């Protein structure tokens, strides 16, 4: 009761967060129904394709899935899906926003730190940079289920003499993703399994995302980032790197660069939002990945998903 009264006194109750998914949430047919039901969605898709000089809607709507999974296509596709939904939700304003990895750029667009054209161009370049980095320095990633983050961090530290390996995603309690050189990732997988991890699974990815093996992507992405005009965010954005809010445009740009090689502190971000009064989460974009993570982090908060055109009624 004391905690609740504190929240009331400090205006921390009844806050809504918009959250945006990252890679892994894409599917063939994504956003097709939004496009078919909205004239403004059609216009936005046309703007996107003019900006990146690529018929991305064809891959989103028709596949093939192998093309949609390519990082340089996946990232702008995920952004575009969420942006189309945001376009239909203009009368609904969140108190805070956040996104998982790529989703952080969608969150920045939602917070009006980036305009639409700059956002999709930047995201396309980000995907290309990460794909190029994966080709330049190959690596792998793996999910470890049923083991706490501190233990996995220690295993990574002990295994790093074979090469780079670190925690890449702190997704939810007992769900951590590691990233690095293939030999080191395999070593951590073996040690984790031997020490009681419930599930250890290597992921099918095109690079060791959120690890120092993305340094080449940092070089490429930073050049593009310097050419993009950012504004201060109009609502607080929880940054993956710090799990804290950011609104200043210069700090936003610095954190976007760091995010490529640093872990995504998703669990910590959600916990901080809840501690600061957020009790309603809305995942905007394809799939239900973030809804599942939020439920595991705290089953007592409200979480809904808006993926399809019909889902817009949930907030209307």
C-alpha atoms as a PDB file:
ATOM      1  CA  UNK A   1       0.000   0.000   0.000  1.00  0.00           C
ATOM      2  CA  UNK A   2       2.839   2.367   0.845  1.00  0.00           C
ATOM      3  CA  UNK A   3       4.346   1.870  -2.621  1.00  0.00           C
ATOM      4  CA  UNK A   4       0.989   2.532  -4.276  1.00  0.00           C
ATOM      5  CA  UNK A   5       0.438   5.749  -2.279  1.00  0.00           C
ATOM      6  CA  UNK A   6       3.920   6.882  -3.256  1.00  0.00           C
ATOM      7  CA  UNK A   7       3.036   6.326  -6.915  1.00  0.00           C
ATOM      8  CA  UNK A   8      -0.218   8.247  -6.575  1.00  0.00           C
ATOM      9  CA  UNK A   9       1.480  11.159  -4.810  1.00  0.00           C
ATOM     10  CA  UNK A  10       4.153  11.349  -7.496  1.00  0.00           C
ATOM     11  CA  UNK A  11       1.801  10.941 -10.450  1.00  0.00           C
ATOM     12  CA  UNK A  12       3.258   7.584 -11.455  1.00  0.00           C
ATOM     13  CA  UNK A  13       0.073   5.577 -11.967  1.00  0.00           C
ATOM     14  CA  UNK A  14      -1.851   4.843 -15.142  1.00  0.00           C
ATOM     15  CA  UNK A  15       1.045   5.271 -17.519  1.00  0.00           C
ATOM     16  CA  UNK A  16       1.068   3.646 -20.943  1.00  0.00           C
ATOM     17  CA  UNK A  17       4.140   2.457 -22.856  1.00  0.00           C
ATOM     18  CA  UNK A  18       4.305   1.724 -26.570  1.00  0.00           C
ATOM     19  CA  UNK A  19       6.899  -0.991 -27.260  1.00  0.00           C
ATOM     20  CA  UNK A  20       8.225  -2.088 -30.632  1.00  0.00           C
ATOM     21  CA  UNK A  21       9.596  -5.493 -31.734  1.00  0.00           C
ATOM     22  CA  UNK A  22      12.944  -6.337 -33.283  1.00  0.00           C
ATOM     23  CA  UNK A  23      14.255  -9.074 -35.561  1.00  0.00           C
ATOM     24  CA  UNK A  24      12.561 -12.435 -35.269  1.00  0.00           C
ATOM     25  CA  UNK A  25       9.011 -11.038 -35.288  1.00  0.00           C
ATOM     26  CA  UNK A  26       8.699 -10.783 -39.076  1.00  0.00           C
ATOM     27  CA  UNK A  27       6.406 -13.093 -41.077  1.00  0.00           C
ATOM     28  CA  UNK A  28       5.284 -13.364 -44.695  1.00  0.00           C
ATOM     29  CA  UNK A  29       2.059 -11.392 -45.089  1.00  0.00           C
ATOM     30  CA  UNK A  30       3.017  -8.826 -42.458  1.00  0.00           C
ATOM     31  CA  UNK A  31       1.118  -5.507 -42.740  1.00  0.00           C
ATOM     32  CA  UNK A  32      -0.772  -6.614 -45.868  1.00  0.00           C
ATOM     33  CA  UNK A  33      -4.183  -6.176 -44.232  1.00  0.00           C
ATOM     34  CA  UNK A  34      -3.249  -2.672 -43.006  1.00  0.00           C
ATOM     35  CA  UNK A  35      -2.210  -1.738 -46.544  1.00  0.00           C
ATOM     36  CA  UNK A  36      -5.454  -3.095 -47.975  1.00  0.00           C
ATOM     37  CA  UNK A  37      -7.670  -1.257 -45.477  1.00  0.00           C
ATOM     38  CA  UNK A  38      -6.064   2.179 -45.345  1.00  0.00           C
ATOM     39  CA  UNK A  39      -5.451   4.781 -48.031  1.00  0.00           C
ATOM     40  CA  UNK A  40      -2.899   6.553 -45.825  1.00  0.00           C
ATOM     41  CA  UNK A  41      -1.063   3.237 -45.338  1.00  0.00           C
ATOM     42  CA  UNK A  42      -0.752   2.864 -49.109  1.00  0.00           C
ATOM     43  CA  UNK A  43       0.712   6.368 -49.309  1.00  0.00           C
ATOM     44  CA  UNK A  44       3.188   5.638 -46.522  1.00  0.00           C
ATOM     45  CA  UNK A  45       4.345   2.423 -48.213  1.00  0.00           C
ATOM     46  CA  UNK A  46       4.884   4.384 -51.428  1.00  0.00           C
ATOM     47  CA  UNK A  47       6.953   6.959 -49.503  1.00  0.00           C
ATOM     48  CA  UNK A  48       9.016   4.193 -47.936  1.00  0.00           C
ATOM     49  CA  UNK A  49       9.766   2.508 -51.248  1.00  0.00           C
ATOM     50  CA  UNK A  50      10.688   5.818 -52.863  1.00  0.00           C
ATOM     51  CA  UNK A  51      13.055   6.518 -49.981  1.00  0.00           C
ATOM     52  CA  UNK A  52      14.928   3.199 -50.024  1.00  0.00           C
ATOM     53  CA  UNK A  53      14.529   2.458 -53.750  1.00  0.00           C
ATOM     54  CA  UNK A  54      13.273  -1.042 -53.048  1.00  0.00           C
ATOM     55  CA  UNK A  55       9.891  -2.805 -53.390  1.00  0.00           C
ATOM     56  CA  UNK A  56       9.829  -3.898 -49.767  1.00  0.00           C
ATOM     57  CA  UNK A  57       6.054  -4.393 -49.624  1.00  0.00           C
ATOM     58  CA  UNK A  58       6.281  -7.242 -52.141  1.00  0.00           C
ATOM     59  CA  UNK A  59       8.673  -9.160 -49.867  1.00  0.00           C
ATOM     60  CA  UNK A  60       6.599  -8.337 -46.784  1.00  0.00           C
ATOM     61  CA  UNK A  61       3.335  -9.435 -48.366  1.00  0.00           C
ATOM     62  CA  UNK A  62       4.499 -12.342 -50.532  1.00  0.00           C
ATOM     63  CA  UNK A  63       7.942 -13.457 -49.348  1.00  0.00           C
ATOM     64  CA  UNK A  64       9.835 -15.633 -49.923  1.00  0.00           C
ATOM     65  CA  UNK A  65      10.633 -16.051 -46.239  1.00  0.00           C
ATOM     66  CA  UNK A  66      14.369 -16.442 -46.977  1.00  0.00           C
ATOM     67  CA  UNK A  67      14.461 -12.915 -48.404  1.00  0.00           C
ATOM     68  CA  UNK A  68      12.391 -11.485 -45.557  1.00  0.00           C
ATOM     69  CA  UNK A  69      14.848 -12.974 -43.048  1.00  0.00           C
ATOM     70  CA  UNK A  70      17.791 -11.099 -44.597  1.00  0.00           C
ATOM     71  CA  UNK A  71      18.814  -8.441 -42.074  1.00  0.00           C
ATOM     72  CA  UNK A  72      18.877  -5.608 -44.626  1.00  0.00           C
ATOM     73  CA  UNK A  73      15.224  -6.362 -45.499  1.00  0.00           C
ATOM     74  CA  UNK A  74      13.970  -7.514 -42.092  1.00  0.00           C
ATOM     75  CA  UNK A  75      14.818  -4.272 -40.320  1.00  0.00           C
ATOM     76  CA  UNK A  76      13.011  -1.798 -42.606  1.00  0.00           C
ATOM     77  CA  UNK A  77      10.109  -4.264 -42.925  1.00  0.00           C
ATOM     78  CA  UNK A  78       9.631  -4.383 -39.154  1.00  0.00           C
ATOM     79  CA  UNK A  79       9.833  -0.612 -38.911  1.00  0.00           C
ATOM     80  CA  UNK A  80       7.359  -0.096 -41.746  1.00  0.00           C
ATOM     81  CA  UNK A  81       4.815  -2.483 -40.211  1.00  0.00           C
ATOM     82  CA  UNK A  82       4.920  -0.622 -36.885  1.00  0.00           C
ATOM     83  CA  UNK A  83       4.899   2.786 -38.600  1.00  0.00           C
ATOM     84  CA  UNK A  84       1.740   1.904 -40.550  1.00  0.00           C
ATOM     85  CA  UNK A  85      -0.001   1.021 -37.295  1.00  0.00           C
ATOM     86  CA  UNK A  86       1.232   4.208 -35.602  1.00  0.00           C
ATOM     87  CA  UNK A  87      -0.155   6.170 -38.535  1.00  0.00           C
ATOM     88  CA  UNK A  88      -3.599   4.781 -37.705  1.00  0.00           C
ATOM     89  CA  UNK A  89      -3.179   5.525 -33.986  1.00  0.00           C
ATOM     90  CA  UNK A  90      -2.461   9.242 -34.245  1.00  0.00           C
ATOM     91  CA  UNK A  91      -4.946  10.099 -31.490  1.00  0.00           C
ATOM     92  CA  UNK A  92      -3.279   7.810 -28.958  1.00  0.00           C
ATOM     93  CA  UNK A  93      -0.183   9.111 -27.215  1.00  0.00           C
ATOM     94  CA  UNK A  94       2.045   6.975 -24.979  1.00  0.00           C
ATOM     95  CA  UNK A  95       3.722   8.271 -21.844  1.00  0.00           C
ATOM     96  CA  UNK A  96       6.965   6.460 -22.669  1.00  0.00           C
ATOM     97  CA  UNK A  97       8.283   4.285 -25.504  1.00  0.00           C
ATOM     98  CA  UNK A  98      10.889   1.572 -26.020  1.00  0.00           C
ATOM     99  CA  UNK A  99      11.930  -0.909 -28.666  1.00  0.00           C
ATOM    100  CA  UNK A 100      13.920  -4.116 -28.722  1.00  0.00           C
ATOM    101  CA  UNK A 101      17.143  -3.626 -30.701  1.00  0.00           C
ATOM    102  CA  UNK A 102      15.923  -2.424 -34.127  1.00  0.00           C
ATOM    103  CA  UNK A 103      12.660  -1.520 -32.389  1.00  0.00           C
ATOM    104  CA  UNK A 104      14.453   1.296 -30.579  1.00  0.00           C
ATOM    105  CA  UNK A 105      14.608   3.248 -33.832  1.00  0.00           C
ATOM    106  CA  UNK A 106      10.872   2.704 -34.284  1.00  0.00           C
ATOM    107  CA  UNK A 107      10.409   4.025 -30.746  1.00  0.00           C
ATOM    108  CA  UNK A 108      12.421   7.119 -31.682  1.00  0.00           C
ATOM    109  CA  UNK A 109      10.193   7.640 -34.717  1.00  0.00           C
ATOM    110  CA  UNK A 110       7.161   7.286 -32.441  1.00  0.00           C
ATOM    111  CA  UNK A 111       8.656   9.914 -30.122  1.00  0.00           C
ATOM    112  CA  UNK A 112       9.175  12.238 -33.132  1.00  0.00           C
ATOM    113  CA  UNK A 113      12.939  12.251 -32.771  1.00  0.00           C
ATOM    114  CA  UNK A 114      13.135  11.019 -36.388  1.00  0.00           C
ATOM    115  CA  UNK A 115      10.886  11.770 -39.341  1.00  0.00           C
ATOM    116  CA  UNK A 116       9.557   8.884 -41.428  1.00  0.00           C
ATOM    117  CA  UNK A 117      11.813   9.217 -44.463  1.00  0.00           C
ATOM    118  CA  UNK A 118      15.005   9.609 -42.438  1.00  0.00           C
ATOM    119  CA  UNK A 119      13.992   6.711 -40.195  1.00  0.00           C
ATOM    120  CA  UNK A 120      13.455   4.145 -42.928  1.00  0.00           C
ATOM    121  CA  UNK A 121      16.592   5.229 -44.812  1.00  0.00           C
ATOM    122  CA  UNK A 122      18.644   4.968 -41.620  1.00  0.00           C
ATOM    123  CA  UNK A 123      17.154   1.586 -40.717  1.00  0.00           C
ATOM    124  CA  UNK A 124      17.848   0.224 -44.203  1.00  0.00           C
ATOM    125  CA  UNK A 125      21.502   1.356 -43.831  1.00  0.00           C
ATOM    126  CA  UNK A 126      21.661  -0.158 -40.332  1.00  0.00           C
ATOM    127  CA  UNK A 127      20.520  -3.519 -41.697  1.00  0.00           C
ATOM    128  CA  UNK A 128      23.034  -3.364 -44.539  1.00  0.00           C
ATOM    129  CA  UNK A 129      25.827  -2.422 -42.118  1.00  0.00           C
ATOM    130  CA  UNK A 130      25.023  -5.314 -39.765  1.00  0.00           C
ATOM    131  CA  UNK A 131      24.801  -7.760 -42.664  1.00  0.00           C
ATOM    132  CA  UNK A 132      28.172  -6.554 -43.958  1.00  0.00           C
ATOM    133  CA  UNK A 133      29.721  -6.873 -40.480  1.00  0.00           C
ATOM    134  CA  UNK A 134      28.444 -10.442 -40.216  1.00  0.00           C
ATOM    135  CA  UNK A 135      30.079 -11.291 -43.539  1.00  0.00           C
ATOM    136  CA  UNK A 136      33.348  -9.602 -42.536  1.00  0.00           C
ATOM    137  CA  UNK A 137      33.595 -11.217 -39.088  1.00  0.00           C
ATOM    138  CA  UNK A 138      31.474 -14.329 -38.760  1.00  0.00           C
ATOM    139  CA  UNK A 139      30.021 -15.272 -35.410  1.00  0.00           C
ATOM    140  CA  UNK A 140      26.946 -16.783 -33.857  1.00  0.00           C
ATOM    141  CA  UNK A 141      24.327 -16.311 -31.155  1.00  0.00           C
ATOM    142  CA  UNK A 142      22.533 -18.670 -28.784  1.00  0.00           C
ATOM    143  CA  UNK A 143      19.594 -18.523 -26.396  1.00  0.00           C
ATOM    144  CA  UNK A 144      20.046 -19.862 -22.865  1.00  0.00           C
ATOM    145  CA  UNK A 145      16.877 -20.602 -20.910  1.00  0.00           C
ATOM    146  CA  UNK A 146      16.632 -21.300 -17.199  1.00  0.00           C
ATOM    147  CA  UNK A 147      19.812 -19.622 -15.952  1.00  0.00           C
ATOM    148  CA  UNK A 148      20.311 -16.197 -14.380  1.00  0.00           C
ATOM    149  CA  UNK A 149      22.183 -13.425 -16.131  1.00  0.00           C
ATOM    150  CA  UNK A 150      25.000 -13.095 -13.615  1.00  0.00           C
ATOM    151  CA  UNK A 151      25.893 -16.788 -13.945  1.00  0.00           C
ATOM    152  CA  UNK A 152      25.904 -16.561 -17.733  1.00  0.00           C
ATOM    153  CA  UNK A 153      28.041 -13.416 -17.638  1.00  0.00           C
ATOM    154  CA  UNK A 154      30.589 -15.278 -15.503  1.00  0.00           C
ATOM    155  CA  UNK A 155      30.583 -18.250 -17.903  1.00  0.00           C
ATOM    156  CA  UNK A 156      31.123 -15.846 -20.818  1.00  0.00           C
ATOM    157  CA  UNK A 157      34.045 -14.242 -18.995  1.00  0.00           C
ATOM    158  CA  UNK A 158      35.637 -17.631 -18.333  1.00  0.00           C
ATOM    159  CA  UNK A 159      35.112 -18.720 -21.953  1.00  0.00           C
ATOM    160  CA  UNK A 160      36.343 -15.530 -23.613  1.00  0.00           C
ATOM    161  CA  UNK A 161      39.944 -16.737 -23.877  1.00  0.00           C
ATOM    162  CA  UNK A 162      38.753 -18.698 -26.935  1.00  0.00           C
ATOM    163  CA  UNK A 163      37.402 -15.521 -28.533  1.00  0.00           C
ATOM    164  CA  UNK A 164      34.753 -12.841 -28.054  1.00  0.00           C
ATOM    165  CA  UNK A 165      31.543 -13.840 -26.271  1.00  0.00           C
ATOM    166  CA  UNK A 166      29.121 -11.817 -24.152  1.00  0.00           C
ATOM    167  CA  UNK A 167      25.478 -11.522 -23.159  1.00  0.00           C
ATOM    168  CA  UNK A 168      23.653  -9.824 -26.024  1.00  0.00           C
ATOM    169  CA  UNK A 169      20.046  -9.737 -24.804  1.00  0.00           C
ATOM    170  CA  UNK A 170      18.712  -9.741 -21.265  1.00  0.00           C
ATOM    171  CA  UNK A 171      15.187 -10.561 -22.420  1.00  0.00           C
ATOM    172  CA  UNK A 172      13.375 -11.744 -19.291  1.00  0.00           C
ATOM    173  CA  UNK A 173      14.131 -13.695 -16.102  1.00  0.00           C
ATOM    174  CA  UNK A 174      15.880 -16.861 -17.201  1.00  0.00           C
ATOM    175  CA  UNK A 175      16.018 -15.932 -20.890  1.00  0.00           C
ATOM    176  CA  UNK A 176      19.407 -14.629 -22.033  1.00  0.00           C
ATOM    177  CA  UNK A 177      20.940 -14.511 -25.508  1.00  0.00           C
ATOM    178  CA  UNK A 178      24.713 -14.669 -25.960  1.00  0.00           C
ATOM    179  CA  UNK A 179      26.737 -13.498 -28.947  1.00  0.00           C
ATOM    180  CA  UNK A 180      30.303 -13.745 -30.210  1.00  0.00           C
ATOM    181  CA  UNK A 181      32.763 -15.911 -32.102  1.00  0.00           C
ATOM    182  CA  UNK A 182      31.386 -19.346 -32.936  1.00  0.00           C
ATOM    183  CA  UNK A 183      33.918 -21.296 -30.849  1.00  0.00           C
ATOM    184  CA  UNK A 184      33.314 -19.202 -27.744  1.00  0.00           C
ATOM    185  CA  UNK A 185      29.539 -19.320 -28.120  1.00  0.00           C
ATOM    186  CA  UNK A 186      29.682 -23.115 -28.393  1.00  0.00           C
ATOM    187  CA  UNK A 187      31.897 -23.261 -25.290  1.00  0.00           C
ATOM    188  CA  UNK A 188      29.403 -21.198 -23.273  1.00  0.00           C
ATOM    189  CA  UNK A 189      26.537 -23.350 -24.560  1.00  0.00           C
ATOM    190  CA  UNK A 190      28.287 -26.496 -23.342  1.00  0.00           C
ATOM    191  CA  UNK A 191      29.179 -25.071 -19.920  1.00  0.00           C
ATOM    192  CA  UNK A 192      25.677 -23.658 -19.432  1.00  0.00           C
ATOM    193  CA  UNK A 193      24.076 -26.988 -20.285  1.00  0.00           C
ATOM    194  CA  UNK A 194      26.443 -28.845 -17.952  1.00  0.00           C
ATOM    195  CA  UNK A 195      25.537 -26.398 -15.164  1.00  0.00           C
ATOM    196  CA  UNK A 196      21.788 -26.810 -15.309  1.00  0.00           C
ATOM    197  CA  UNK A 197      20.433 -24.560 -18.067  1.00  0.00           C
ATOM    198  CA  UNK A 198      17.006 -25.841 -19.058  1.00  0.00           C
ATOM    199  CA  UNK A 199      17.469 -25.172 -22.759  1.00  0.00           C
ATOM    200  CA  UNK A 200      20.415 -24.074 -24.881  1.00  0.00           C
ATOM    201  CA  UNK A 201      19.775 -23.313 -28.534  1.00  0.00           C
ATOM    202  CA  UNK A 202      21.968 -21.816 -31.235  1.00  0.00           C
ATOM    203  CA  UNK A 203      20.139 -19.160 -33.271  1.00  0.00           C
ATOM    204  CA  UNK A 204      20.064 -18.834 -37.038  1.00  0.00           C
ATOM    205  CA  UNK A 205      21.477 -15.340 -37.557  1.00  0.00           C
ATOM    206  CA  UNK A 206      23.672 -13.538 -40.077  1.00  0.00           C
ATOM    207  CA  UNK A 207      26.094 -12.167 -37.502  1.00  0.00           C
ATOM    208  CA  UNK A 208      27.066 -11.843 -33.850  1.00  0.00           C
ATOM    209  CA  UNK A 209      24.742  -8.943 -33.098  1.00  0.00           C
ATOM    210  CA  UNK A 210      25.257  -6.818 -29.974  1.00  0.00           C
ATOM    211  CA  UNK A 211      28.874  -7.890 -29.609  1.00  0.00           C
ATOM    212  CA  UNK A 212      32.234  -6.343 -30.559  1.00  0.00           C
ATOM    213  CA  UNK A 213      32.101  -8.377 -33.782  1.00  0.00           C
ATOM    214  CA  UNK A 214      29.738  -5.622 -34.981  1.00  0.00           C
ATOM    215  CA  UNK A 215      32.533  -3.015 -34.907  1.00  0.00           C
ATOM    216  CA  UNK A 216      32.526  -2.878 -38.715  1.00  0.00           C
ATOM    217  CA  UNK A 217      28.795  -2.054 -38.572  1.00  0.00           C
ATOM    218  CA  UNK A 218      29.579   0.741 -36.115  1.00  0.00           C
ATOM    219  CA  UNK A 219      31.920   2.346 -38.665  1.00  0.00           C
ATOM    220  CA  UNK A 220      29.384   2.132 -41.493  1.00  0.00           C
ATOM    221  CA  UNK A 221      26.360   3.108 -39.409  1.00  0.00           C
ATOM    222  CA  UNK A 222      28.102   6.052 -37.745  1.00  0.00           C
ATOM    223  CA  UNK A 223      28.805   7.631 -41.131  1.00  0.00           C
ATOM    224  CA  UNK A 224      25.126   7.432 -42.075  1.00  0.00           C
ATOM    225  CA  UNK A 225      24.020   8.598 -38.632  1.00  0.00           C
ATOM    226  CA  UNK A 226      26.069  11.779 -38.962  1.00  0.00           C
ATOM    227  CA  UNK A 227      24.022  12.717 -42.016  1.00  0.00           C
ATOM    228  CA  UNK A 228      20.624  12.320 -40.302  1.00  0.00           C
ATOM    229  CA  UNK A 229      18.839  15.122 -38.482  1.00  0.00           C
ATOM    230  CA  UNK A 230      17.490  14.111 -35.068  1.00  0.00           C
ATOM    231  CA  UNK A 231      15.205  16.118 -32.783  1.00  0.00           C
ATOM    232  CA  UNK A 232      14.852  15.820 -29.032  1.00  0.00           C
ATOM    233  CA  UNK A 233      12.306  13.086 -28.277  1.00  0.00           C
ATOM    234  CA  UNK A 234       8.866  14.403 -27.331  1.00  0.00           C
ATOM    235  CA  UNK A 235       8.298  11.505 -24.915  1.00  0.00           C
ATOM    236  CA  UNK A 236      10.953   9.632 -22.918  1.00  0.00           C
ATOM    237  CA  UNK A 237      12.589   6.723 -24.749  1.00  0.00           C
ATOM    238  CA  UNK A 238      14.063   3.852 -22.732  1.00  0.00           C
ATOM    239  CA  UNK A 239      17.419   3.075 -24.325  1.00  0.00           C
ATOM    240  CA  UNK A 240      18.568  -0.527 -24.719  1.00  0.00           C
ATOM    241  CA  UNK A 241      22.117   0.274 -23.633  1.00  0.00           C
ATOM    242  CA  UNK A 242      21.255   1.915 -20.309  1.00  0.00           C
ATOM    243  CA  UNK A 243      17.665   0.809 -19.571  1.00  0.00           C
ATOM    244  CA  UNK A 244      17.117   4.481 -18.663  1.00  0.00           C
ATOM    245  CA  UNK A 245      15.185   7.259 -20.394  1.00  0.00           C
ATOM    246  CA  UNK A 246      16.709   9.549 -22.955  1.00  0.00           C
ATOM    247  CA  UNK A 247      15.278  12.569 -24.778  1.00  0.00           C
ATOM    248  CA  UNK A 248      18.312  14.653 -25.851  1.00  0.00           C
ATOM    249  CA  UNK A 249      19.116  14.170 -29.540  1.00  0.00           C
ATOM    250  CA  UNK A 250      22.906  14.046 -29.116  1.00  0.00           C
ATOM    251  CA  UNK A 251      22.672  11.367 -26.443  1.00  0.00           C
ATOM    252  CA  UNK A 252      20.177   9.435 -28.574  1.00  0.00           C
ATOM    253  CA  UNK A 253      22.680   9.246 -31.448  1.00  0.00           C
ATOM    254  CA  UNK A 254      25.519   8.149 -29.150  1.00  0.00           C
ATOM    255  CA  UNK A 255      23.397   5.367 -27.679  1.00  0.00           C
ATOM    256  CA  UNK A 256      22.297   4.120 -31.100  1.00  0.00           C
ATOM    257  CA  UNK A 257      25.950   3.584 -32.031  1.00  0.00           C
ATOM    258  CA  UNK A 258      26.760   1.849 -28.727  1.00  0.00           C
ATOM    259  CA  UNK A 259      23.705  -0.367 -29.088  1.00  0.00           C
ATOM    260  CA  UNK A 260      25.273  -2.261 -32.000  1.00  0.00           C
ATOM    261  CA  UNK A 261      27.967  -3.772 -29.774  1.00  0.00           C
ATOM    262  CA  UNK A 262      26.333  -3.574 -26.323  1.00  0.00           C
ATOM    263  CA  UNK A 263      23.756  -5.866 -24.701  1.00  0.00           C
ATOM    264  CA  UNK A 264      20.049  -5.108 -24.996  1.00  0.00           C
ATOM    265  CA  UNK A 265      18.830  -4.569 -21.417  1.00  0.00           C
ATOM    266  CA  UNK A 266      15.208  -5.350 -22.123  1.00  0.00           C
ATOM    267  CA  UNK A 267      14.268  -6.907 -18.790  1.00  0.00           C
ATOM    268  CA  UNK A 268      15.848  -3.997 -16.922  1.00  0.00           C
ATOM    269  CA  UNK A 269      14.044  -1.484 -19.159  1.00  0.00           C
ATOM    270  CA  UNK A 270      10.623  -3.037 -18.507  1.00  0.00           C
ATOM    271  CA  UNK A 271      11.314  -3.276 -14.776  1.00  0.00           C
ATOM    272  CA  UNK A 272      12.350   0.387 -14.692  1.00  0.00           C
ATOM    273  CA  UNK A 273       9.201   1.417 -16.566  1.00  0.00           C
ATOM    274  CA  UNK A 274       7.027  -0.455 -14.081  1.00  0.00           C
ATOM    275  CA  UNK A 275       8.907   1.051 -11.133  1.00  0.00           C
ATOM    276  CA  UNK A 276       8.226   4.476 -12.626  1.00  0.00           C
ATOM    277  CA  UNK A 277       4.491   3.893 -12.903  1.00  0.00           C
ATOM    278  CA  UNK A 278       3.888   2.212 -16.257  1.00  0.00           C
ATOM    279  CA  UNK A 279       1.119  -0.341 -15.871  1.00  0.00           C
ATOM    280  CA  UNK A 280      -0.097  -0.686 -19.461  1.00  0.00           C
ATOM    281  CA  UNK A 281       2.085  -1.934 -22.303  1.00  0.00           C
ATOM    282  CA  UNK A 282       1.097  -1.962 -25.970  1.00  0.00           C
ATOM    283  CA  UNK A 283       3.253  -3.909 -28.428  1.00  0.00           C
ATOM    284  CA  UNK A 284       2.869  -2.262 -31.827  1.00  0.00           C
ATOM    285  CA  UNK A 285       4.098  -4.335 -34.748  1.00  0.00           C
ATOM    286  CA  UNK A 286       4.267  -7.922 -35.943  1.00  0.00           C
ATOM    287  CA  UNK A 287       4.066 -10.921 -33.633  1.00  0.00           C
ATOM    288  CA  UNK A 288       3.794 -11.390 -29.883  1.00  0.00           C
ATOM    289  CA  UNK A 289       7.418 -11.719 -28.771  1.00  0.00           C
ATOM    290  CA  UNK A 290       7.467  -8.666 -26.527  1.00  0.00           C
ATOM    291  CA  UNK A 291       4.086  -9.498 -25.021  1.00  0.00           C
ATOM    292  CA  UNK A 292       5.510 -12.832 -23.885  1.00  0.00           C
ATOM    293  CA  UNK A 293       8.602 -11.182 -22.417  1.00  0.00           C
ATOM    294  CA  UNK A 294       6.614  -8.563 -20.503  1.00  0.00           C
ATOM    295  CA  UNK A 295       4.352 -11.263 -19.035  1.00  0.00           C
ATOM    296  CA  UNK A 296       7.405 -13.173 -17.824  1.00  0.00           C
ATOM    297  CA  UNK A 297       8.985 -10.036 -16.368  1.00  0.00           C
ATOM    298  CA  UNK A 298       5.828  -9.018 -14.497  1.00  0.00           C
ATOM    299  CA  UNK A 299       2.509 -10.877 -14.934  1.00  0.00           C
ATOM    300  CA  UNK A 300       0.588  -8.175 -13.044  1.00  0.00           C
ATOM    301  CA  UNK A 301       0.757  -5.423 -15.662  1.00  0.00           C
ATOM    302  CA  UNK A 302      -1.569  -5.053 -18.643  1.00  0.00           C
ATOM    303  CA  UNK A 303      -0.130  -6.015 -22.044  1.00  0.00           C
ATOM    304  CA  UNK A 304      -1.876  -6.029 -25.415  1.00  0.00           C
ATOM    305  CA  UNK A 305      -0.639  -6.365 -28.970  1.00  0.00           C
ATOM    306  CA  UNK A 306      -1.581  -4.466 -32.117  1.00  0.00           C
ATOM    307  CA  UNK A 307      -0.400  -6.362 -35.178  1.00  0.00           C
ATOM    308  CA  UNK A 308      -3.272  -6.273 -37.674  1.00  0.00           C
ATOM    309  CA  UNK A 309      -5.713  -3.632 -38.837  1.00  0.00           C
ATOM    310  CA  UNK A 310      -8.544  -5.106 -36.787  1.00  0.00           C
ATOM    311  CA  UNK A 311      -6.386  -4.861 -33.638  1.00  0.00           C
ATOM    312  CA  UNK A 312      -6.583  -1.068 -33.842  1.00  0.00           C
ATOM    313  CA  UNK A 313      -9.990  -1.335 -32.177  1.00  0.00           C
ATOM    314  CA  UNK A 314      -8.229  -2.305 -28.945  1.00  0.00           C
ATOM    315  CA  UNK A 315      -7.210   1.347 -28.475  1.00  0.00           C
ATOM    316  CA  UNK A 316     -10.178   3.019 -30.169  1.00  0.00           C
END
